[in-house]
């Protein structure tokens, strides 16, 4: 069996076309900067704001949305366990957010073909984070504050300051999909 050398890339946010263009499916990434959290209902509300022509609660240009509903923090910690949720639930809304300038998403699970097509067209990328590792991932979150939809509790939109947050490029702007490639590679 051939042993592959794994290279980890560090990126600092916000994302630009140049940064996104340098990421390839399968790359291990450490993300530093500001990311935002949002799940199903928050996505629905963001789309409603777009439809009304209203301002979004954060500037979406070049940003990453992390699909997470964190647990409450323990005393002295900025956030509780913060593991990724299944990304497919956001697929109905993702195209519109990518059109508005969203450059990255972090979650788990495969994306629809429509979302993959949008990522390719508008130069956005999808990162996978390890499910079941929420307690460990939360250690990479240095600050957390609710900035919108506080009534949603854990699913409110939060502004997170992350340092060396680990992820893997699942879908790049070149149309590659790590899940598809993995199945092909190990098919008998």
Protein backbone atom coordinates (compact mmCIF):
# COMPACT_ATOMS: atom_id res chain seq x y z
CA UNK A 1 0.00 0.00 0.00
CA UNK A 2 1.30 3.42 -0.94
CA UNK A 3 1.80 5.82 1.94
CA UNK A 4 0.72 9.37 1.15
CA UNK A 5 2.27 12.45 2.69
CA UNK A 6 -0.42 14.69 4.15
CA UNK A 7 0.09 18.44 4.02
CA UNK A 8 -1.92 20.77 6.22
CA UNK A 9 -2.70 24.23 4.88
CA UNK A 10 -3.38 27.18 7.15
CA UNK A 11 -5.88 29.78 6.02
CA UNK A 12 -6.83 33.10 7.55
CA UNK A 13 -10.28 34.50 6.97
CA UNK A 14 -12.11 36.05 5.23
CA UNK A 15 -11.90 33.79 2.19
CA UNK A 16 -10.99 35.27 -1.18
CA UNK A 17 -11.19 33.79 -4.68
CA UNK A 18 -7.41 33.35 -4.51
CA UNK A 19 -7.53 31.39 -1.23
CA UNK A 20 -10.46 29.24 -2.38
CA UNK A 21 -8.73 28.63 -5.73
CA UNK A 22 -5.72 27.19 -3.90
CA UNK A 23 -7.77 24.62 -1.97
CA UNK A 24 -8.18 21.13 -3.35
CA UNK A 25 -10.44 18.26 -2.42
CA UNK A 26 -8.82 16.26 0.37
CA UNK A 27 -6.65 19.11 1.69
CA UNK A 28 -6.35 19.25 5.47
CA UNK A 29 -6.99 22.79 6.61
CA UNK A 30 -6.50 24.82 9.80
CA UNK A 31 -8.83 27.84 9.80
CA UNK A 32 -8.14 31.02 11.77
CA UNK A 33 -10.43 34.04 11.92
CA UNK A 34 -14.14 34.76 12.22
CA UNK A 35 -16.79 32.22 11.20
CA UNK A 36 -20.54 32.28 11.71
CA UNK A 37 -22.90 29.55 12.86
CA UNK A 38 -26.31 28.81 11.36
CA UNK A 39 -28.60 25.82 11.03
CA UNK A 40 -31.93 25.14 9.32
CA UNK A 41 -34.21 27.78 10.81
CA UNK A 42 -31.52 30.46 10.80
CA UNK A 43 -30.91 29.74 7.10
CA UNK A 44 -34.63 30.08 6.41
CA UNK A 45 -34.65 33.45 8.18
CA UNK A 46 -31.57 34.64 6.25
CA UNK A 47 -33.34 33.83 2.98
CA UNK A 48 -36.46 35.68 4.18
CA UNK A 49 -34.27 38.74 4.84
CA UNK A 50 -32.74 38.47 1.36
CA UNK A 51 -36.21 38.16 -0.19
CA UNK A 52 -37.33 41.33 1.65
CA UNK A 53 -34.22 43.21 0.54
CA UNK A 54 -33.26 43.61 4.21
CA UNK A 55 -29.72 43.66 5.56
CA UNK A 56 -28.28 40.38 6.82
CA UNK A 57 -27.03 40.27 10.43
CA UNK A 58 -23.43 39.96 9.18
CA UNK A 59 -21.57 40.79 5.98
CA UNK A 60 -21.66 37.46 4.14
CA UNK A 61 -18.94 38.37 1.62
CA UNK A 62 -16.03 35.93 1.93
CA UNK A 63 -17.44 34.30 5.05
CA UNK A 64 -17.81 30.73 6.28
CA UNK A 65 -20.96 29.37 7.92
CA UNK A 66 -20.46 26.48 10.34
CA UNK A 67 -23.47 24.18 10.62
CA UNK A 68 -23.53 23.73 14.39
CA UNK A 69 -25.87 24.08 17.35
CA UNK A 70 -23.46 24.21 20.28
CA UNK A 71 -24.24 23.16 23.83
CA UNK A 72 -24.15 25.77 26.60
CA UNK A 73 -20.64 26.69 27.75
CA UNK A 74 -19.22 25.62 31.08
CA UNK A 75 -18.15 28.49 33.35
CA UNK A 76 -15.09 30.23 31.94
CA UNK A 77 -15.45 28.73 28.46
CA UNK A 78 -16.68 30.62 25.37
CA UNK A 79 -18.80 27.74 24.05
CA UNK A 80 -19.87 24.19 24.85
CA UNK A 81 -19.46 21.17 22.61
CA UNK A 82 -19.56 22.38 19.00
CA UNK A 83 -19.65 19.49 16.55
CA UNK A 84 -20.94 19.74 12.97
CA UNK A 85 -24.47 18.88 11.95
CA UNK A 86 -25.61 17.27 8.71
CA UNK A 87 -25.20 19.75 5.89
CA UNK A 88 -27.88 18.42 3.56
CA UNK A 89 -30.57 20.09 5.65
CA UNK A 90 -29.21 23.47 4.54
CA UNK A 91 -29.01 22.59 0.83
CA UNK A 92 -32.38 24.21 0.00
CA UNK A 93 -30.99 27.60 1.13
CA UNK A 94 -27.29 27.34 0.30
CA UNK A 95 -27.40 28.39 -3.36
CA UNK A 96 -28.95 31.75 -2.46
CA UNK A 97 -26.32 32.42 0.22
CA UNK A 98 -23.47 31.50 -2.12
CA UNK A 99 -24.95 33.91 -4.70
CA UNK A 100 -24.78 36.62 -2.00
CA UNK A 101 -21.04 36.01 -1.47
CA UNK A 102 -20.76 33.14 1.03
CA UNK A 103 -17.41 31.46 0.30
CA UNK A 104 -17.36 28.48 2.65
CA UNK A 105 -19.39 26.08 4.73
CA UNK A 106 -18.37 23.61 7.42
CA UNK A 107 -20.46 20.58 8.25
CA UNK A 108 -20.68 16.84 7.76
CA UNK A 109 -22.17 14.73 5.00
CA UNK A 110 -22.55 15.10 1.27
CA UNK A 111 -23.98 18.12 -0.53
CA UNK A 112 -26.56 18.06 -3.31
CA UNK A 113 -25.49 18.40 -6.93
CA UNK A 114 -27.17 21.83 -7.04
CA UNK A 115 -25.02 23.06 -4.14
CA UNK A 116 -21.88 21.59 -5.72
CA UNK A 117 -22.73 23.36 -8.99
CA UNK A 118 -23.17 26.67 -7.11
CA UNK A 119 -19.79 26.21 -5.39
CA UNK A 120 -18.15 25.70 -8.75
CA UNK A 121 -19.94 28.65 -10.40
CA UNK A 122 -19.42 31.18 -7.58
CA UNK A 123 -16.11 29.86 -6.21
CA UNK A 124 -17.08 28.55 -2.79
CA UNK A 125 -15.82 25.53 -0.86
CA UNK A 126 -17.29 22.98 1.53
CA UNK A 127 -15.25 21.76 4.48
CA UNK A 128 -15.93 18.67 6.55
CA UNK A 129 -15.40 18.67 10.31
CA UNK A 130 -15.26 15.49 12.35
CA UNK A 131 -18.64 14.46 13.71
CA UNK A 132 -18.57 13.26 17.31
CA UNK A 133 -15.60 15.48 18.13
CA UNK A 134 -17.55 18.54 19.29
CA UNK A 135 -15.76 18.79 22.65
CA UNK A 136 -12.38 18.81 20.92
CA UNK A 137 -13.48 21.22 18.18
CA UNK A 138 -14.78 23.66 20.82
CA UNK A 139 -11.21 24.05 22.11
CA UNK A 140 -10.39 25.82 18.82
CA UNK A 141 -13.11 28.41 19.44
CA UNK A 142 -11.67 31.35 21.36
CA UNK A 143 -14.74 33.61 21.49
CA UNK A 144 -18.44 33.15 20.79
CA UNK A 145 -21.30 35.65 20.77
CA UNK A 146 -24.91 35.47 19.60
CA UNK A 147 -25.45 38.10 16.91
CA UNK A 148 -28.91 37.19 15.55
CA UNK A 149 -32.04 35.14 16.20
CA UNK A 150 -31.35 34.62 19.92
CA UNK A 151 -34.84 33.07 20.22
CA UNK A 152 -33.45 29.99 18.42
CA UNK A 153 -31.26 29.11 21.42
CA UNK A 154 -28.45 26.79 20.32
CA UNK A 155 -29.39 27.43 16.69
CA UNK A 156 -29.01 31.22 16.92
CA UNK A 157 -26.42 32.80 14.65
CA UNK A 158 -23.14 33.16 16.49
CA UNK A 159 -19.95 34.95 15.59
CA UNK A 160 -17.05 32.65 16.45
CA UNK A 161 -13.40 33.53 16.66
CA UNK A 162 -11.48 30.37 15.78
CA UNK A 163 -7.81 29.49 15.82
CA UNK A 164 -6.45 26.53 13.85
CA UNK A 165 -9.91 25.00 13.50
CA UNK A 166 -9.36 21.65 11.74
CA UNK A 167 -11.30 20.72 8.62
CA UNK A 168 -10.93 18.83 5.35
CA UNK A 169 -11.88 20.14 1.91
CA UNK A 170 -14.80 17.98 0.77
CA UNK A 171 -15.87 20.00 -2.30
CA UNK A 172 -13.55 22.37 -4.11
CA UNK A 173 -14.29 24.91 -6.87
CA UNK A 174 -13.13 22.42 -9.49
CA UNK A 175 -16.12 20.13 -8.98
CA UNK A 176 -14.29 17.46 -7.00
CA UNK A 177 -16.08 15.61 -4.17
CA UNK A 178 -14.12 13.71 -1.51
CA UNK A 179 -17.05 11.39 -0.76
CA UNK A 180 -17.39 10.40 -4.42
CA UNK A 181 -13.63 9.94 -4.78
CA UNK A 182 -13.47 7.80 -1.64
CA UNK A 183 -16.15 5.45 -2.92
CA UNK A 184 -14.36 5.13 -6.29
CA UNK A 185 -11.00 4.54 -4.65
CA UNK A 186 -12.18 1.73 -2.41
CA UNK A 187 -14.79 0.12 -4.69
CA UNK A 188 -14.08 -3.48 -5.56
